[in-house]
Structures are given as C-alpha cells and as structure tokens.
Amino acid sequence: MSAPIHVHWNGRLVPADEAMVSVFDAGFLYGDGIYETLRIYRGCPFGFDRHWRRLEHGARGVGLSLPARDDVRRGLDELLRADDLPSAVARITITRGRLARRLDLSSAGRPSVLVTAEAIDPGADDARARGVRVVHSSYVRPSDHSLAGVKSTNYQVSLLARNEAREQGAAEVLVPNQHGHVVEAAAANVFVVEGGVLVTPPLRSGILGGITREVVLEVAGDAGLPLRQETLAPERVEAADEVFLTGTTIEVTPVVTIGDRPVAAGRPGPITLDLRRRYRERVDAETRPSGSEAPSDSTR
C-alpha cells in the first residue's frame, strides 16, 4: 500500500503529515477506541452499512459516543476523491478523546475521529488467490473476554501474533482461545471444509464477527452449501480438506500450508475458490456503478 496523501481528521480534510493527535488522547494513552476497516472498489466502500452497525455495536460495548453516520460517510467520500483512490483500504478510527481527569471516563471531551485510506497493490489479490502459509500462534484470544466481539484499537495481541507469522515467513497465524481451539487469525476469520461441509468457529468462541465472514456465510447458504459453526481443534484444522481465511482486505484467501504441512493437496480447494468467486460477485453487484454491466469472468 502507498502512503496516504490526506486524512480526514475531526471533520476536516488535511494533509496526512499535518494531522496530529494529542498526547493526552485516551486512544493514545490507553488504546481506548474502536475502529472499522473497509475495502473500496471503484471508489465505493463495500458494506458500509454493515461496518457502521458493527461500529455502533462496539460503541455501545465501550460507552463511546459516535459522530453522525452521514458525516463520516461524507468525509470518507471526500478523502477518496481528494486522493483519487478507486481501489483502497479505508479505516474509520474513533477514540474517546482527551480525559480531563485521569481514568475518569465521565470527564471525556469530544471523541477524536480519523478516516484514512491507502491504495491497494493491484497484484495482491492475485498473489493471495494462489494460497498462503500460516502457522500456529502462541498468543491466546480468551473466549470469555468482556470485550470479545468489539473491534477495539487495543490491538496488541493481534500485533504480537502477526509478528510471529512474519518471523516464521508466514502470511498469518492461527490464534487459539484458552481451551486450545483455533478461533481466528490475527486479522481474519477461519473456515475449514470437511467432506463438503463448511465449518467455522461460532461467535461465542470469542471471535470478532467479521463482515467478510458474514457475507461468506450468506453466499454459502445461497449456494446450498452445508454449514456448521463449531469449535476447531488445531488437529482438525490441519486435517481438513480445505482451509481459508476471510477478511476485509484479504477477501477469501486459501490456506495451502500450515506450518510445514500442506493442507490436503497443498493447493486452493474447489469450494474455497467457488466461495471466493461468489464473494467477488456480491462485491461487484453492490459496488457496480448504476447502469454498468457485470464484469466477465476474465476480469474477476
């Protein structure tokens, strides 16, 4: 991704290198904030309303005030036009702002609102479509955490887990909960295919309910694919016929190797590739400009 030229900061479009946050902002001091990451196709954010609903859920969970939805959407659109970003990853970050009294949430002022967007490498999707290698993480995502399911800016577990992947030359990690079950990746949800049945950990296992996960479950249901939401032991994931990850940036990404062991034949499986195609069709339908034709298979 290329460095952003502008950001939208507290309601204004400003050069990225001029945007500054107070050293007393609760987001900086305590990781007290929430965020959403959206992918931009043809200059249009996919699933904005879904992401906003999850942002509202997170705000309720931590008692944080949100700005007006339409104001944030206008700021995002303004940023995309200013930096000419038809294909990008955008992020909406909202922190509690400055506290007048230390650790006293009742003394919070106005929330800090940041919208950023970065262009996507056009070759990244093709590279991921060929499949990635993952490893198991030593870090744990507790299923009984009080903020499980809130997309918080307190992201240290994911940062440390993803660093394990980098140190081992892998693209992602499989993160367990306190029972040793694989629940998600550092920044993605996990699916396996067993005998033609799609299986993914349930929300109660402590995962973040990913927007891409949600859409994949919908398109899989539309296709008549059998679905189960069950806990996944590491050995079960390794023995699966297919494994894939879902996330806003990575869409549907096949996993072809776990550690040093190939997943089945060591190449993307047919159900994974079909779901990837169906997901992209949903994206195309929802972000296609009015009156334009659907893209041919060769352009997907």
C-alpha atoms as a PDB file:
ATOM      1  CA  MET A   1       0.000   0.000   0.000  1.00  0.00           C
ATOM      2  CA  SER A   2       1.155   3.527  -0.766  1.00  0.00           C
ATOM      3  CA  ALA A   3       1.434   6.245   1.882  1.00  0.00           C
ATOM      4  CA  PRO A   4      -1.717   8.386   2.195  1.00  0.00           C
ATOM      5  CA  ILE A   5      -1.649  11.980   0.959  1.00  0.00           C
ATOM      6  CA  HIS A   6      -4.591  13.232   3.034  1.00  0.00           C
ATOM      7  CA  VAL A   7      -6.631  12.079   6.018  1.00  0.00           C
ATOM      8  CA  HIS A   8      -9.999  13.211   7.326  1.00  0.00           C
ATOM      9  CA  TRP A   9      -9.369  14.351  10.887  1.00  0.00           C
ATOM     10  CA  ASN A  10     -12.165  15.604  13.163  1.00  0.00           C
ATOM     11  CA  GLY A  11     -14.322  16.697  10.255  1.00  0.00           C
ATOM     12  CA  ARG A  12     -11.647  18.256   8.039  1.00  0.00           C
ATOM     13  CA  LEU A  13      -9.597  17.030   5.108  1.00  0.00           C
ATOM     14  CA  VAL A  14      -5.954  17.715   5.979  1.00  0.00           C
ATOM     15  CA  PRO A  15      -2.534  16.656   4.632  1.00  0.00           C
ATOM     16  CA  ALA A  16      -1.562  13.385   6.266  1.00  0.00           C
ATOM     17  CA  ASP A  17       1.699  14.762   7.683  1.00  0.00           C
ATOM     18  CA  GLU A  18      -0.142  17.649   9.361  1.00  0.00           C
ATOM     19  CA  ALA A  19      -2.726  15.591  11.270  1.00  0.00           C
ATOM     20  CA  MET A  20      -1.821  15.412  14.953  1.00  0.00           C
ATOM     21  CA  VAL A  21      -3.379  13.685  17.947  1.00  0.00           C
ATOM     22  CA  SER A  22      -2.977  14.951  21.497  1.00  0.00           C
ATOM     23  CA  VAL A  23      -0.559  13.008  23.680  1.00  0.00           C
ATOM     24  CA  PHE A  24      -3.379  13.067  26.247  1.00  0.00           C
ATOM     25  CA  ASP A  25      -5.901  11.388  23.943  1.00  0.00           C
ATOM     26  CA  ALA A  26      -7.315   8.263  25.629  1.00  0.00           C
ATOM     27  CA  GLY A  27      -6.764   6.348  22.416  1.00  0.00           C
ATOM     28  CA  PHE A  28      -3.040   7.061  22.589  1.00  0.00           C
ATOM     29  CA  LEU A  29      -2.693   6.581  26.339  1.00  0.00           C
ATOM     30  CA  TYR A  30      -4.974   3.575  26.877  1.00  0.00           C
ATOM     31  CA  GLY A  31      -5.945   2.148  23.497  1.00  0.00           C
ATOM     32  CA  ASP A  32      -9.453   3.415  24.311  1.00  0.00           C
ATOM     33  CA  GLY A  33     -11.192   3.421  20.969  1.00  0.00           C
ATOM     34  CA  ILE A  34     -12.869   1.418  18.234  1.00  0.00           C
ATOM     35  CA  TYR A  35     -12.369   1.184  14.510  1.00  0.00           C
ATOM     36  CA  GLU A  36     -13.580  -0.343  11.267  1.00  0.00           C
ATOM     37  CA  THR A  37     -11.651  -1.264   8.139  1.00  0.00           C
ATOM     38  CA  LEU A  38     -13.465  -1.099   4.810  1.00  0.00           C
ATOM     39  CA  ARG A  39     -12.389  -2.060   1.333  1.00  0.00           C
ATOM     40  CA  ILE A  40     -13.000   0.351  -1.539  1.00  0.00           C
ATOM     41  CA  TYR A  41     -13.964  -0.916  -5.009  1.00  0.00           C
ATOM     42  CA  ARG A  42     -14.414   1.517  -7.907  1.00  0.00           C
ATOM     43  CA  GLY A  43     -14.343   4.353  -5.394  1.00  0.00           C
ATOM     44  CA  CYS A  44     -17.231   2.841  -3.403  1.00  0.00           C
ATOM     45  CA  PRO A  45     -16.914   1.291   0.091  1.00  0.00           C
ATOM     46  CA  PHE A  46     -18.260  -2.253   0.218  1.00  0.00           C
ATOM     47  CA  GLY A  47     -20.648  -2.981   3.078  1.00  0.00           C
ATOM     48  CA  PHE A  48     -20.537   0.487   4.641  1.00  0.00           C
ATOM     49  CA  ASP A  49     -23.847  -0.029   6.465  1.00  0.00           C
ATOM     50  CA  ARG A  50     -22.692  -3.386   7.860  1.00  0.00           C
ATOM     51  CA  HIS A  51     -19.468  -1.830   9.097  1.00  0.00           C
ATOM     52  CA  TRP A  52     -21.340   1.084  10.631  1.00  0.00           C
ATOM     53  CA  ARG A  53     -23.666  -1.263  12.515  1.00  0.00           C
ATOM     54  CA  ARG A  54     -20.642  -3.071  13.935  1.00  0.00           C
ATOM     55  CA  LEU A  55     -19.129   0.287  14.873  1.00  0.00           C
ATOM     56  CA  GLU A  56     -22.364   1.117  16.721  1.00  0.00           C
ATOM     57  CA  HIS A  57     -22.178  -2.254  18.488  1.00  0.00           C
ATOM     58  CA  GLY A  58     -18.613  -1.541  19.574  1.00  0.00           C
ATOM     59  CA  ALA A  59     -19.508   1.959  20.714  1.00  0.00           C
ATOM     60  CA  ARG A  60     -22.285   0.602  22.916  1.00  0.00           C
ATOM     61  CA  GLY A  61     -19.910  -2.004  24.302  1.00  0.00           C
ATOM     62  CA  VAL A  62     -17.379   0.575  25.490  1.00  0.00           C
ATOM     63  CA  GLY A  63     -19.744   3.509  26.133  1.00  0.00           C
ATOM     64  CA  LEU A  64     -18.341   5.699  23.366  1.00  0.00           C
ATOM     65  CA  SER A  65     -20.212   8.437  21.505  1.00  0.00           C
ATOM     66  CA  LEU A  66     -20.208   8.240  17.713  1.00  0.00           C
ATOM     67  CA  PRO A  67     -20.327  11.117  15.231  1.00  0.00           C
ATOM     68  CA  ALA A  68     -23.188  11.213  12.741  1.00  0.00           C
ATOM     69  CA  ARG A  69     -23.040   8.362  10.243  1.00  0.00           C
ATOM     70  CA  ASP A  70     -23.640  10.649   7.253  1.00  0.00           C
ATOM     71  CA  ASP A  71     -20.834  12.990   8.339  1.00  0.00           C
ATOM     72  CA  VAL A  72     -18.357  10.100   8.437  1.00  0.00           C
ATOM     73  CA  ARG A  73     -19.532   8.786   5.069  1.00  0.00           C
ATOM     74  CA  ARG A  74     -19.161  12.235   3.509  1.00  0.00           C
ATOM     75  CA  GLY A  75     -15.671  12.519   4.982  1.00  0.00           C
ATOM     76  CA  LEU A  76     -14.709   9.142   3.531  1.00  0.00           C
ATOM     77  CA  ASP A  77     -16.044  10.061   0.091  1.00  0.00           C
ATOM     78  CA  GLU A  78     -14.223  13.392   0.199  1.00  0.00           C
ATOM     79  CA  LEU A  79     -10.968  11.644   1.092  1.00  0.00           C
ATOM     80  CA  LEU A  80     -11.319   9.084  -1.705  1.00  0.00           C
ATOM     81  CA  ARG A  81     -11.920  11.830  -4.256  1.00  0.00           C
ATOM     82  CA  ALA A  82      -9.090  14.011  -2.998  1.00  0.00           C
ATOM     83  CA  ASP A  83      -6.515  11.205  -3.205  1.00  0.00           C
ATOM     84  CA  ASP A  84      -8.062   9.569  -6.289  1.00  0.00           C
ATOM     85  CA  LEU A  85      -8.455   6.139  -4.707  1.00  0.00           C
ATOM     86  CA  PRO A  86     -10.731   3.845  -6.724  1.00  0.00           C
ATOM     87  CA  SER A  87      -9.199   0.748  -5.090  1.00  0.00           C
ATOM     88  CA  ALA A  88      -8.160   1.118  -1.474  1.00  0.00           C
ATOM     89  CA  VAL A  89      -8.448   0.048   2.138  1.00  0.00           C
ATOM     90  CA  ALA A  90     -10.050   2.668   4.381  1.00  0.00           C
ATOM     91  CA  ARG A  91     -10.195   2.839   8.143  1.00  0.00           C
ATOM     92  CA  ILE A  92     -12.522   4.734  10.490  1.00  0.00           C
ATOM     93  CA  THR A  93     -10.969   5.210  13.933  1.00  0.00           C
ATOM     94  CA  ILE A  94     -12.835   6.774  16.861  1.00  0.00           C
ATOM     95  CA  THR A  95     -11.259   7.297  20.260  1.00  0.00           C
ATOM     96  CA  ARG A  96     -12.704   8.778  23.432  1.00  0.00           C
ATOM     97  CA  GLY A  97     -10.564  11.882  23.055  1.00  0.00           C
ATOM     98  CA  ARG A  98      -8.955  13.695  25.943  1.00  0.00           C
ATOM     99  CA  LEU A  99      -9.920  12.954  29.545  1.00  0.00           C
ATOM    100  CA  ALA A 100      -9.953  15.970  31.846  1.00  0.00           C
ATOM    101  CA  ARG A 101      -9.290  13.674  34.796  1.00  0.00           C
ATOM    102  CA  ARG A 102      -7.071  10.607  34.666  1.00  0.00           C
ATOM    103  CA  LEU A 103      -9.002   7.335  34.215  1.00  0.00           C
ATOM    104  CA  ASP A 104     -12.331   9.148  34.613  1.00  0.00           C
ATOM    105  CA  LEU A 105     -14.474   8.403  31.554  1.00  0.00           C
ATOM    106  CA  SER A 106     -17.105  10.906  32.690  1.00  0.00           C
ATOM    107  CA  SER A 107     -14.559  13.686  32.073  1.00  0.00           C
ATOM    108  CA  ALA A 108     -14.136  12.853  28.361  1.00  0.00           C
ATOM    109  CA  GLY A 109     -14.471  15.651  25.852  1.00  0.00           C
ATOM    110  CA  ARG A 110     -15.315  15.227  22.184  1.00  0.00           C
ATOM    111  CA  PRO A 111     -14.287  11.933  20.561  1.00  0.00           C
ATOM    112  CA  SER A 112     -11.420  12.010  18.081  1.00  0.00           C
ATOM    113  CA  VAL A 113     -12.499  10.885  14.599  1.00  0.00           C
ATOM    114  CA  LEU A 114      -9.992   9.809  11.964  1.00  0.00           C
ATOM    115  CA  VAL A 115     -10.649   8.467   8.467  1.00  0.00           C
ATOM    116  CA  THR A 116      -7.706   7.171   6.438  1.00  0.00           C
ATOM    117  CA  ALA A 117      -7.370   5.379   3.109  1.00  0.00           C
ATOM    118  CA  GLU A 118      -4.464   3.716   1.331  1.00  0.00           C
ATOM    119  CA  ALA A 119      -4.265   2.413  -2.225  1.00  0.00           C
ATOM    120  CA  ILE A 120      -4.096  -1.370  -2.717  1.00  0.00           C
ATOM    121  CA  ASP A 121      -1.389  -3.099  -4.671  1.00  0.00           C
ATOM    122  CA  PRO A 122      -3.279  -4.400  -7.738  1.00  0.00           C
ATOM    123  CA  GLY A 123      -1.291  -7.649  -7.701  1.00  0.00           C
ATOM    124  CA  ALA A 124      -2.000  -8.515  -4.060  1.00  0.00           C
ATOM    125  CA  ASP A 125      -5.321 -10.256  -4.714  1.00  0.00           C
ATOM    126  CA  ASP A 126      -3.854 -12.497  -7.412  1.00  0.00           C
ATOM    127  CA  ALA A 127      -0.985 -13.478  -5.121  1.00  0.00           C
ATOM    128  CA  ARG A 128      -3.350 -14.391  -2.274  1.00  0.00           C
ATOM    129  CA  ALA A 129      -5.603 -16.382  -4.628  1.00  0.00           C
ATOM    130  CA  ARG A 130      -2.739 -18.840  -5.107  1.00  0.00           C
ATOM    131  CA  GLY A 131      -2.830 -19.622  -1.379  1.00  0.00           C
ATOM    132  CA  VAL A 132      -0.863 -18.679   1.723  1.00  0.00           C
ATOM    133  CA  ARG A 133       1.070 -20.361   4.501  1.00  0.00           C
ATOM    134  CA  VAL A 134       0.034 -19.926   8.137  1.00  0.00           C
ATOM    135  CA  VAL A 135       1.494 -21.014  11.473  1.00  0.00           C
ATOM    136  CA  HIS A 136       0.059 -21.556  14.938  1.00  0.00           C
ATOM    137  CA  SER A 137       0.301 -18.680  17.406  1.00  0.00           C
ATOM    138  CA  SER A 138       1.484 -18.834  20.995  1.00  0.00           C
ATOM    139  CA  TYR A 139      -0.841 -15.956  21.910  1.00  0.00           C
ATOM    140  CA  VAL A 140      -4.364 -16.600  23.182  1.00  0.00           C
ATOM    141  CA  ARG A 141      -7.723 -14.948  22.413  1.00  0.00           C
ATOM    142  CA  PRO A 142      -9.887 -15.640  25.527  1.00  0.00           C
ATOM    143  CA  SER A 143     -13.469 -16.544  24.609  1.00  0.00           C
ATOM    144  CA  ASP A 144     -14.757 -15.110  27.895  1.00  0.00           C
ATOM    145  CA  HIS A 145     -13.107 -11.705  27.474  1.00  0.00           C
ATOM    146  CA  SER A 146     -15.566  -8.935  28.407  1.00  0.00           C
ATOM    147  CA  LEU A 147     -14.898  -7.091  25.138  1.00  0.00           C
ATOM    148  CA  ALA A 148     -14.895 -10.146  22.859  1.00  0.00           C
ATOM    149  CA  GLY A 149     -16.559  -9.106  19.626  1.00  0.00           C
ATOM    150  CA  VAL A 150     -15.636  -5.410  19.956  1.00  0.00           C
ATOM    151  CA  LYS A 151     -13.236  -4.158  17.274  1.00  0.00           C
ATOM    152  CA  SER A 152     -11.041  -2.244  19.676  1.00  0.00           C
ATOM    153  CA  THR A 153      -7.956  -0.159  18.960  1.00  0.00           C
ATOM    154  CA  ASN A 154      -6.289  -2.134  21.758  1.00  0.00           C
ATOM    155  CA  TYR A 155      -4.698  -4.461  19.211  1.00  0.00           C
ATOM    156  CA  GLN A 156      -1.601  -5.742  20.949  1.00  0.00           C
ATOM    157  CA  VAL A 157      -2.424  -9.464  20.872  1.00  0.00           C
ATOM    158  CA  SER A 158      -3.022  -9.326  17.116  1.00  0.00           C
ATOM    159  CA  LEU A 159       0.149  -7.324  16.549  1.00  0.00           C
ATOM    160  CA  LEU A 160       2.274  -9.773  18.500  1.00  0.00           C
ATOM    161  CA  ALA A 161       0.617 -12.793  16.906  1.00  0.00           C
ATOM    162  CA  ARG A 162       1.063 -11.400  13.391  1.00  0.00           C
ATOM    163  CA  ASN A 163       4.708 -10.731  14.202  1.00  0.00           C
ATOM    164  CA  GLU A 164       5.097 -14.446  14.919  1.00  0.00           C
ATOM    165  CA  ALA A 165       3.949 -15.072  11.360  1.00  0.00           C
ATOM    166  CA  ARG A 166       6.481 -12.636   9.943  1.00  0.00           C
ATOM    167  CA  GLU A 167       9.304 -14.166  11.968  1.00  0.00           C
ATOM    168  CA  GLN A 168       8.443 -17.593  10.548  1.00  0.00           C
ATOM    169  CA  GLY A 169       7.972 -16.415   6.984  1.00  0.00           C
ATOM    170  CA  ALA A 170       4.195 -16.961   7.032  1.00  0.00           C
ATOM    171  CA  ALA A 171       1.313 -14.758   5.960  1.00  0.00           C
ATOM    172  CA  GLU A 172      -0.874 -15.267   9.049  1.00  0.00           C
ATOM    173  CA  VAL A 173      -1.257 -17.146  12.328  1.00  0.00           C
ATOM    174  CA  LEU A 174      -3.986 -19.343  13.756  1.00  0.00           C
ATOM    175  CA  VAL A 175      -4.877 -17.963  17.198  1.00  0.00           C
ATOM    176  CA  PRO A 176      -6.292 -20.245  19.920  1.00  0.00           C
ATOM    177  CA  ASN A 177      -8.622 -19.447  22.795  1.00  0.00           C
ATOM    178  CA  GLN A 178      -7.945 -20.511  26.368  1.00  0.00           C
ATOM    179  CA  HIS A 179      -9.236 -24.030  25.595  1.00  0.00           C
ATOM    180  CA  GLY A 180      -6.716 -24.503  22.788  1.00  0.00           C
ATOM    181  CA  HIS A 181      -9.289 -24.283  19.993  1.00  0.00           C
ATOM    182  CA  VAL A 182      -8.398 -22.298  16.884  1.00  0.00           C
ATOM    183  CA  VAL A 183     -10.747 -19.336  16.882  1.00  0.00           C
ATOM    184  CA  GLU A 184      -9.394 -16.872  14.317  1.00  0.00           C
ATOM    185  CA  ALA A 185      -6.285 -15.426  12.727  1.00  0.00           C
ATOM    186  CA  ALA A 186      -4.567 -12.236  13.854  1.00  0.00           C
ATOM    187  CA  ALA A 187      -6.687 -10.185  11.450  1.00  0.00           C
ATOM    188  CA  ALA A 188      -9.072 -12.658   9.807  1.00  0.00           C
ATOM    189  CA  ASN A 189     -11.698 -15.331  10.444  1.00  0.00           C
ATOM    190  CA  VAL A 190     -11.010 -19.026   9.856  1.00  0.00           C
ATOM    191  CA  PHE A 191     -13.029 -21.571   7.844  1.00  0.00           C
ATOM    192  CA  VAL A 192     -12.438 -25.231   7.056  1.00  0.00           C
ATOM    193  CA  VAL A 193     -14.131 -27.626   4.652  1.00  0.00           C
ATOM    194  CA  GLU A 194     -14.734 -31.227   5.764  1.00  0.00           C
ATOM    195  CA  GLY A 195     -16.410 -33.645   3.373  1.00  0.00           C
ATOM    196  CA  GLY A 196     -18.164 -30.822   1.543  1.00  0.00           C
ATOM    197  CA  VAL A 197     -19.359 -29.165   4.776  1.00  0.00           C
ATOM    198  CA  LEU A 198     -18.252 -25.619   5.654  1.00  0.00           C
ATOM    199  CA  VAL A 199     -17.254 -25.180   9.311  1.00  0.00           C
ATOM    200  CA  THR A 200     -16.241 -22.011  11.179  1.00  0.00           C
ATOM    201  CA  PRO A 201     -15.941 -21.156  14.900  1.00  0.00           C
ATOM    202  CA  PRO A 202     -19.091 -19.654  16.458  1.00  0.00           C
ATOM    203  CA  LEU A 203     -19.232 -16.112  17.799  1.00  0.00           C
ATOM    204  CA  ARG A 204     -19.406 -17.431  21.356  1.00  0.00           C
ATOM    205  CA  SER A 205     -15.841 -18.755  20.976  1.00  0.00           C
ATOM    206  CA  GLY A 206     -14.575 -15.186  21.420  1.00  0.00           C
ATOM    207  CA  ILE A 207     -14.079 -14.248  17.769  1.00  0.00           C
ATOM    208  CA  LEU A 208     -14.775 -10.940  16.119  1.00  0.00           C
ATOM    209  CA  GLY A 209     -17.812 -11.263  13.882  1.00  0.00           C
ATOM    210  CA  GLY A 210     -16.119 -10.317  10.626  1.00  0.00           C
ATOM    211  CA  ILE A 211     -18.103  -8.571   7.907  1.00  0.00           C
ATOM    212  CA  THR A 212     -16.492 -10.756   5.241  1.00  0.00           C
ATOM    213  CA  ARG A 213     -17.274 -13.827   7.371  1.00  0.00           C
ATOM    214  CA  GLU A 214     -20.897 -12.693   7.480  1.00  0.00           C
ATOM    215  CA  VAL A 215     -21.107 -12.259   3.708  1.00  0.00           C
ATOM    216  CA  VAL A 216     -19.391 -15.602   3.052  1.00  0.00           C
ATOM    217  CA  LEU A 217     -21.914 -17.365   5.287  1.00  0.00           C
ATOM    218  CA  GLU A 218     -24.695 -15.696   3.295  1.00  0.00           C
ATOM    219  CA  VAL A 219     -23.358 -16.637  -0.142  1.00  0.00           C
ATOM    220  CA  ALA A 220     -22.567 -20.167   1.055  1.00  0.00           C
ATOM    221  CA  GLY A 221     -26.147 -20.503   2.283  1.00  0.00           C
ATOM    222  CA  ASP A 222     -27.464 -19.193  -1.034  1.00  0.00           C
ATOM    223  CA  ALA A 223     -25.363 -21.828  -2.807  1.00  0.00           C
ATOM    224  CA  GLY A 224     -26.860 -24.591  -0.646  1.00  0.00           C
ATOM    225  CA  LEU A 225     -23.540 -25.429   0.992  1.00  0.00           C
ATOM    226  CA  PRO A 226     -23.971 -27.268   4.320  1.00  0.00           C
ATOM    227  CA  LEU A 227     -22.815 -25.064   7.208  1.00  0.00           C
ATOM    228  CA  ARG A 228     -21.800 -25.720  10.789  1.00  0.00           C
ATOM    229  CA  GLN A 229     -20.463 -23.373  13.445  1.00  0.00           C
ATOM    230  CA  GLU A 230     -18.291 -25.434  15.771  1.00  0.00           C
ATOM    231  CA  THR A 231     -15.088 -25.171  17.724  1.00  0.00           C
ATOM    232  CA  LEU A 232     -11.982 -26.301  15.863  1.00  0.00           C
ATOM    233  CA  ALA A 233      -9.109 -28.169  17.482  1.00  0.00           C
ATOM    234  CA  PRO A 234      -5.743 -27.496  15.782  1.00  0.00           C
ATOM    235  CA  GLU A 235      -5.572 -31.132  14.622  1.00  0.00           C
ATOM    236  CA  ARG A 236      -8.973 -30.767  12.982  1.00  0.00           C
ATOM    237  CA  VAL A 237      -7.874 -27.701  11.054  1.00  0.00           C
ATOM    238  CA  GLU A 238      -4.714 -29.451   9.879  1.00  0.00           C
ATOM    239  CA  ALA A 239      -6.700 -32.498   8.718  1.00  0.00           C
ATOM    240  CA  ALA A 240      -9.340 -30.504   6.820  1.00  0.00           C
ATOM    241  CA  ASP A 241      -9.936 -30.879   3.094  1.00  0.00           C
ATOM    242  CA  GLU A 242      -9.675 -27.112   2.658  1.00  0.00           C
ATOM    243  CA  VAL A 243      -8.838 -24.142   4.888  1.00  0.00           C
ATOM    244  CA  PHE A 244      -9.349 -20.479   4.126  1.00  0.00           C
ATOM    245  CA  LEU A 245      -9.318 -17.076   5.799  1.00  0.00           C
ATOM    246  CA  THR A 246     -11.744 -14.198   5.377  1.00  0.00           C
ATOM    247  CA  GLY A 247     -11.191 -10.502   5.976  1.00  0.00           C
ATOM    248  CA  THR A 248     -11.948  -7.093   4.548  1.00  0.00           C
ATOM    249  CA  THR A 249      -8.570  -6.679   2.883  1.00  0.00           C
ATOM    250  CA  ILE A 250      -7.844 -10.306   2.006  1.00  0.00           C
ATOM    251  CA  GLU A 251     -11.413 -11.228   0.976  1.00  0.00           C
ATOM    252  CA  VAL A 252     -11.427 -15.073   0.738  1.00  0.00           C
ATOM    253  CA  THR A 253      -7.849 -16.355   0.911  1.00  0.00           C
ATOM    254  CA  PRO A 254      -6.973 -20.062   0.599  1.00  0.00           C
ATOM    255  CA  VAL A 255      -4.573 -21.573   3.129  1.00  0.00           C
ATOM    256  CA  VAL A 256      -2.376 -24.174   1.422  1.00  0.00           C
ATOM    257  CA  THR A 257       0.193 -24.834   4.182  1.00  0.00           C
ATOM    258  CA  ILE A 258       0.008 -24.877   7.987  1.00  0.00           C
ATOM    259  CA  GLY A 259       3.483 -24.792   9.442  1.00  0.00           C
ATOM    260  CA  ASP A 260       5.402 -27.263   7.306  1.00  0.00           C
ATOM    261  CA  ARG A 261       2.394 -29.416   6.407  1.00  0.00           C
ATOM    262  CA  PRO A 262       0.316 -28.926   3.246  1.00  0.00           C
ATOM    263  CA  VAL A 263      -3.445 -28.663   3.554  1.00  0.00           C
ATOM    264  CA  ALA A 264      -4.733 -31.704   1.623  1.00  0.00           C
ATOM    265  CA  ALA A 265      -3.109 -31.464  -1.839  1.00  0.00           C
ATOM    266  CA  GLY A 266      -1.372 -28.193  -0.970  1.00  0.00           C
ATOM    267  CA  ARG A 267      -3.369 -26.033  -3.372  1.00  0.00           C
ATOM    268  CA  PRO A 268      -6.600 -23.985  -3.169  1.00  0.00           C
ATOM    269  CA  GLY A 269      -9.635 -26.240  -2.982  1.00  0.00           C
ATOM    270  CA  PRO A 270     -12.724 -26.073  -5.211  1.00  0.00           C
ATOM    271  CA  ILE A 271     -15.156 -24.910  -2.524  1.00  0.00           C
ATOM    272  CA  THR A 272     -12.782 -22.162  -1.410  1.00  0.00           C
ATOM    273  CA  LEU A 273     -12.371 -20.939  -4.976  1.00  0.00           C
ATOM    274  CA  ASP A 274     -16.126 -21.076  -5.590  1.00  0.00           C
ATOM    275  CA  LEU A 275     -16.820 -19.039  -2.449  1.00  0.00           C
ATOM    276  CA  ARG A 276     -14.120 -16.579  -3.455  1.00  0.00           C
ATOM    277  CA  ARG A 277     -15.854 -16.157  -6.816  1.00  0.00           C
ATOM    278  CA  ARG A 278     -19.288 -15.788  -5.233  1.00  0.00           C
ATOM    279  CA  TYR A 279     -17.972 -13.259  -2.741  1.00  0.00           C
ATOM    280  CA  ARG A 280     -16.495 -11.175  -5.558  1.00  0.00           C
ATOM    281  CA  GLU A 281     -19.804 -11.365  -7.427  1.00  0.00           C
ATOM    282  CA  ARG A 282     -21.542  -9.930  -4.356  1.00  0.00           C
ATOM    283  CA  VAL A 283     -18.939  -7.162  -4.172  1.00  0.00           C
ATOM    284  CA  ASP A 284     -19.350  -6.410  -7.882  1.00  0.00           C
ATOM    285  CA  ALA A 285     -23.131  -6.246  -7.564  1.00  0.00           C
ATOM    286  CA  GLU A 286     -23.052  -3.866  -4.596  1.00  0.00           C
ATOM    287  CA  THR A 287     -20.308  -1.538  -5.840  1.00  0.00           C
ATOM    288  CA  ARG A 288     -21.040  -1.505  -9.569  1.00  0.00           C
ATOM    289  CA  PRO A 289     -21.993   1.966 -10.841  1.00  0.00           C
ATOM    290  CA  SER A 290     -25.635   2.290 -11.793  1.00  0.00           C
ATOM    291  CA  GLY A 291     -26.307   1.189 -15.370  1.00  0.00           C
ATOM    292  CA  SER A 292     -22.979  -0.607 -15.920  1.00  0.00           C
ATOM    293  CA  GLU A 293     -22.742  -4.250 -16.913  1.00  0.00           C
ATOM    294  CA  ALA A 294     -21.377  -7.011 -14.712  1.00  0.00           C
ATOM    295  CA  PRO A 295     -17.732  -7.856 -15.437  1.00  0.00           C
ATOM    296  CA  SER A 296     -16.943 -11.006 -17.387  1.00  0.00           C
ATOM    297  CA  ASP A 297     -15.306 -13.984 -15.653  1.00  0.00           C
ATOM    298  CA  SER A 298     -11.955 -12.988 -17.134  1.00  0.00           C
ATOM    299  CA  THR A 299     -11.935  -9.712 -15.220  1.00  0.00           C
ATOM    300  CA  ARG A 300     -12.885 -11.022 -11.786  1.00  0.00           C
END
